N, C-alpha and C. Protein backbone atom coordinates (compact mmCIF):
# COMPACT_ATOMS: atom_id res chain seq x y z
N MET A 1 -7.75 16.25 10.50
CA MET A 1 -7.52 14.88 11.00
C MET A 1 -8.15 13.90 10.16
N LYS A 2 -7.48 12.78 9.95
CA LYS A 2 -8.01 11.70 9.09
C LYS A 2 -8.38 10.50 10.02
N LYS A 3 -9.17 9.70 9.45
CA LYS A 3 -9.71 8.49 10.11
C LYS A 3 -9.29 7.22 9.20
N ALA A 4 -8.91 6.20 9.94
CA ALA A 4 -8.54 5.00 9.25
C ALA A 4 -9.65 3.96 9.58
N LEU A 5 -10.09 3.24 8.54
CA LEU A 5 -11.15 2.16 8.71
C LEU A 5 -10.40 0.90 8.96
N ILE A 6 -10.58 0.32 10.14
CA ILE A 6 -9.92 -0.92 10.52
C ILE A 6 -10.89 -2.08 10.35
N SER A 7 -10.42 -3.13 9.72
CA SER A 7 -11.24 -4.32 9.51
C SER A 7 -10.75 -5.46 10.36
N THR A 8 -11.60 -5.79 11.34
CA THR A 8 -11.26 -6.90 12.26
C THR A 8 -11.24 -8.22 11.67
N ILE A 9 -11.85 -8.36 10.52
CA ILE A 9 -11.85 -9.69 9.89
C ILE A 9 -10.86 -9.97 8.90
N GLU A 10 -9.89 -9.05 8.78
CA GLU A 10 -8.76 -9.09 7.79
C GLU A 10 -7.43 -8.96 8.50
N PRO A 11 -7.05 -10.00 9.29
CA PRO A 11 -5.76 -9.88 9.98
C PRO A 11 -4.55 -9.84 8.99
N ARG A 12 -3.50 -9.20 9.42
CA ARG A 12 -2.26 -9.08 8.56
C ARG A 12 -1.10 -9.63 9.43
N GLN A 13 -0.26 -10.44 8.69
CA GLN A 13 1.03 -10.81 9.34
C GLN A 13 2.10 -10.64 8.29
N HIS A 14 3.25 -9.98 8.78
CA HIS A 14 4.27 -9.57 7.93
C HIS A 14 5.57 -10.44 8.15
N PHE A 15 6.44 -10.35 7.21
CA PHE A 15 7.67 -11.16 7.11
C PHE A 15 8.48 -11.08 8.38
N ASP A 16 8.44 -9.90 9.05
CA ASP A 16 9.30 -9.67 10.20
C ASP A 16 8.63 -10.16 11.53
N GLY A 17 7.35 -10.76 11.37
CA GLY A 17 6.67 -11.23 12.63
C GLY A 17 5.62 -10.26 13.09
N SER A 18 5.69 -9.00 12.65
CA SER A 18 4.64 -8.10 13.04
C SER A 18 3.29 -8.49 12.46
N LYS A 19 2.26 -8.15 13.28
CA LYS A 19 0.90 -8.50 12.87
C LYS A 19 -0.15 -7.58 13.40
N GLY A 20 -1.25 -7.50 12.80
CA GLY A 20 -2.34 -6.65 13.20
C GLY A 20 -3.55 -6.84 12.27
N LEU A 21 -4.21 -5.67 12.08
CA LEU A 21 -5.43 -5.61 11.27
C LEU A 21 -5.24 -4.67 10.12
N ARG A 22 -6.05 -5.07 9.02
CA ARG A 22 -5.88 -4.20 7.82
C ARG A 22 -6.52 -2.91 7.99
N VAL A 23 -5.77 -1.81 7.51
CA VAL A 23 -6.34 -0.53 7.27
C VAL A 23 -6.99 -0.49 5.87
N ALA A 24 -8.36 -0.58 5.91
CA ALA A 24 -9.08 -0.84 4.62
C ALA A 24 -9.35 0.49 3.81
N GLN A 25 -9.39 1.60 4.55
CA GLN A 25 -9.74 2.86 3.87
C GLN A 25 -9.29 3.98 4.77
N VAL A 26 -9.01 5.12 4.21
CA VAL A 26 -8.63 6.35 4.95
C VAL A 26 -9.46 7.50 4.40
N GLU A 27 -10.03 8.25 5.32
CA GLU A 27 -11.00 9.34 4.91
C GLU A 27 -10.74 10.58 5.77
N ASN A 28 -11.17 11.71 5.33
CA ASN A 28 -11.17 12.87 6.13
C ASN A 28 -12.20 12.63 7.21
N GLU A 29 -12.07 13.22 8.33
CA GLU A 29 -12.92 13.03 9.50
C GLU A 29 -14.36 13.40 9.07
N SER A 30 -14.51 14.45 8.26
CA SER A 30 -15.87 14.88 7.84
C SER A 30 -16.51 13.94 6.81
N ASP A 31 -15.78 12.95 6.28
CA ASP A 31 -16.31 12.17 5.25
C ASP A 31 -16.54 10.64 5.71
N ILE A 32 -16.41 10.37 7.01
CA ILE A 32 -16.60 9.01 7.46
C ILE A 32 -18.10 8.63 7.35
N PHE A 33 -18.33 7.36 7.39
CA PHE A 33 -19.71 6.85 7.25
C PHE A 33 -19.94 5.64 8.20
N PRO A 34 -21.16 5.27 8.50
CA PRO A 34 -21.36 4.11 9.36
C PRO A 34 -20.84 2.85 8.66
N VAL A 35 -20.37 2.00 9.47
CA VAL A 35 -19.73 0.66 8.98
C VAL A 35 -20.25 -0.50 9.71
N ALA A 36 -20.05 -1.68 9.17
CA ALA A 36 -20.54 -2.87 9.80
C ALA A 36 -19.82 -3.10 11.15
N GLU A 37 -20.35 -4.01 11.95
CA GLU A 37 -19.83 -4.29 13.24
C GLU A 37 -18.44 -4.81 13.33
N ASP A 38 -17.98 -5.42 12.16
CA ASP A 38 -16.52 -5.91 12.10
C ASP A 38 -15.62 -4.92 11.72
N MET A 39 -15.96 -3.59 11.63
CA MET A 39 -15.11 -2.53 11.24
C MET A 39 -15.30 -1.37 12.23
N TYR A 40 -14.30 -0.50 12.31
CA TYR A 40 -14.37 0.69 13.12
C TYR A 40 -13.36 1.72 12.61
N TRP A 41 -13.58 2.95 12.99
CA TRP A 41 -12.75 4.14 12.59
C TRP A 41 -11.88 4.45 13.71
N LEU A 42 -10.62 4.80 13.36
CA LEU A 42 -9.60 5.31 14.32
C LEU A 42 -8.94 6.51 13.78
N ASP A 43 -8.61 7.43 14.66
CA ASP A 43 -7.77 8.64 14.19
C ASP A 43 -6.50 8.11 13.66
N CYS A 44 -6.04 8.85 12.64
CA CYS A 44 -4.71 8.47 12.10
C CYS A 44 -4.04 9.74 11.58
N ASP A 45 -2.72 9.60 11.26
CA ASP A 45 -1.99 10.70 10.65
C ASP A 45 -2.40 10.88 9.24
N ASP A 46 -2.09 12.08 8.74
CA ASP A 46 -2.50 12.37 7.35
C ASP A 46 -1.75 11.55 6.28
N ASN A 47 -0.58 10.97 6.66
CA ASN A 47 0.23 10.15 5.63
C ASN A 47 -0.21 8.74 5.58
N VAL A 48 -1.12 8.27 6.35
CA VAL A 48 -1.53 6.88 6.33
C VAL A 48 -2.28 6.55 5.00
N ILE A 49 -1.83 5.42 4.48
CA ILE A 49 -2.53 4.96 3.10
C ILE A 49 -3.07 3.57 3.43
N ALA A 50 -4.36 3.35 2.95
CA ALA A 50 -4.88 2.00 3.04
C ALA A 50 -4.13 0.92 2.45
N ASP A 51 -3.99 -0.17 3.05
CA ASP A 51 -3.26 -1.40 2.64
C ASP A 51 -1.66 -1.25 2.72
N LEU A 52 -1.18 0.01 2.88
CA LEU A 52 0.21 0.24 3.12
C LEU A 52 0.54 0.35 4.52
N TRP A 53 -0.42 0.49 5.34
CA TRP A 53 -0.29 0.58 6.76
C TRP A 53 -1.23 -0.38 7.47
N TYR A 54 -1.04 -0.82 8.73
CA TYR A 54 -1.85 -1.67 9.40
C TYR A 54 -1.96 -1.30 10.80
N PHE A 55 -3.01 -1.78 11.52
CA PHE A 55 -3.27 -1.39 12.95
C PHE A 55 -2.62 -2.58 13.77
N ASP A 56 -1.52 -2.16 14.51
CA ASP A 56 -0.83 -3.16 15.41
C ASP A 56 -1.66 -3.34 16.67
N THR A 57 -2.35 -4.46 16.83
CA THR A 57 -3.23 -4.63 18.00
C THR A 57 -2.46 -4.75 19.30
N ASP A 58 -1.28 -5.18 19.31
CA ASP A 58 -0.46 -5.27 20.55
C ASP A 58 -0.03 -3.79 21.01
N LYS A 59 0.44 -3.04 20.12
CA LYS A 59 0.92 -1.68 20.44
C LYS A 59 -0.23 -0.66 20.41
N GLN A 60 -1.33 -1.05 19.84
CA GLN A 60 -2.54 -0.16 19.66
C GLN A 60 -2.12 1.11 18.94
N VAL A 61 -1.43 0.87 17.73
CA VAL A 61 -1.04 2.04 16.94
C VAL A 61 -1.03 1.65 15.45
N ILE A 62 -1.25 2.64 14.65
CA ILE A 62 -1.18 2.40 13.14
C ILE A 62 0.20 2.55 12.63
N LEU A 63 0.73 1.50 11.96
CA LEU A 63 2.10 1.51 11.51
C LEU A 63 2.19 1.15 10.07
N ALA A 64 3.34 1.63 9.44
CA ALA A 64 3.48 1.31 8.06
C ALA A 64 3.85 -0.17 7.94
N VAL A 65 3.40 -0.79 6.92
CA VAL A 65 3.73 -2.16 6.64
C VAL A 65 5.20 -2.28 6.46
N PRO A 66 5.95 -3.20 7.21
CA PRO A 66 7.37 -3.23 7.01
C PRO A 66 7.71 -3.73 5.57
N GLN A 67 8.82 -3.16 5.13
CA GLN A 67 9.23 -3.51 3.74
C GLN A 67 10.52 -4.41 3.88
N ASN A 68 10.54 -5.46 3.15
CA ASN A 68 11.64 -6.37 3.12
C ASN A 68 12.68 -5.82 2.13
N THR A 69 13.71 -5.32 2.65
CA THR A 69 14.78 -4.62 1.85
C THR A 69 15.91 -5.55 1.48
N GLN A 70 15.84 -6.81 1.92
CA GLN A 70 16.87 -7.78 1.59
C GLN A 70 16.87 -8.04 0.07
N LYS A 71 17.97 -7.91 -0.53
CA LYS A 71 18.16 -8.12 -1.97
C LYS A 71 18.26 -9.62 -2.29
N LEU A 72 17.44 -10.05 -3.24
CA LEU A 72 17.59 -11.46 -3.72
C LEU A 72 18.64 -11.52 -4.70
N THR A 73 19.50 -12.57 -4.60
CA THR A 73 20.55 -12.73 -5.59
C THR A 73 20.41 -14.14 -6.24
N GLN A 74 20.82 -14.26 -7.42
CA GLN A 74 20.87 -15.52 -8.17
C GLN A 74 22.20 -16.19 -7.92
N PRO A 75 22.21 -17.45 -7.73
CA PRO A 75 23.43 -18.17 -7.45
C PRO A 75 24.36 -17.95 -8.68
N ALA A 76 25.69 -17.87 -8.48
CA ALA A 76 26.61 -17.79 -9.59
C ALA A 76 26.70 -19.08 -10.41
N THR A 77 26.79 -18.91 -11.70
CA THR A 77 26.85 -20.14 -12.58
C THR A 77 28.06 -19.91 -13.49
N ASN A 78 28.39 -20.94 -14.21
CA ASN A 78 29.47 -20.84 -15.17
C ASN A 78 28.91 -20.60 -16.59
N GLY A 79 27.62 -20.34 -16.63
CA GLY A 79 27.02 -19.96 -17.91
C GLY A 79 26.55 -21.15 -18.69
N LEU A 80 26.84 -22.44 -18.22
CA LEU A 80 26.33 -23.61 -18.87
C LEU A 80 25.09 -24.13 -18.27
N ALA A 81 24.19 -24.56 -18.98
CA ALA A 81 22.92 -25.12 -18.47
C ALA A 81 23.27 -26.50 -18.01
N SER A 82 22.73 -26.86 -16.85
CA SER A 82 22.92 -28.28 -16.39
C SER A 82 22.01 -29.25 -17.12
N VAL A 83 22.37 -30.50 -17.29
CA VAL A 83 21.60 -31.40 -18.01
C VAL A 83 20.98 -32.47 -17.02
């Protein structure tokens, strides 16, 4: 079992409106250490990676940071620079 270090002073808000707290570090349960009052350890899945996951405080669950898969496109031009 792994543990995620949650930072209560580092809120995260994502493009899709989801929000929560930063997962600052992930360690094996046997390797955790005492932390400041603004942080705490939570059980997490083995695939959780710090900064790529966050703690959703509404749902009380650790989730992957949502990825914006919308492709950015450049407006079509006629190849001439505007003056």
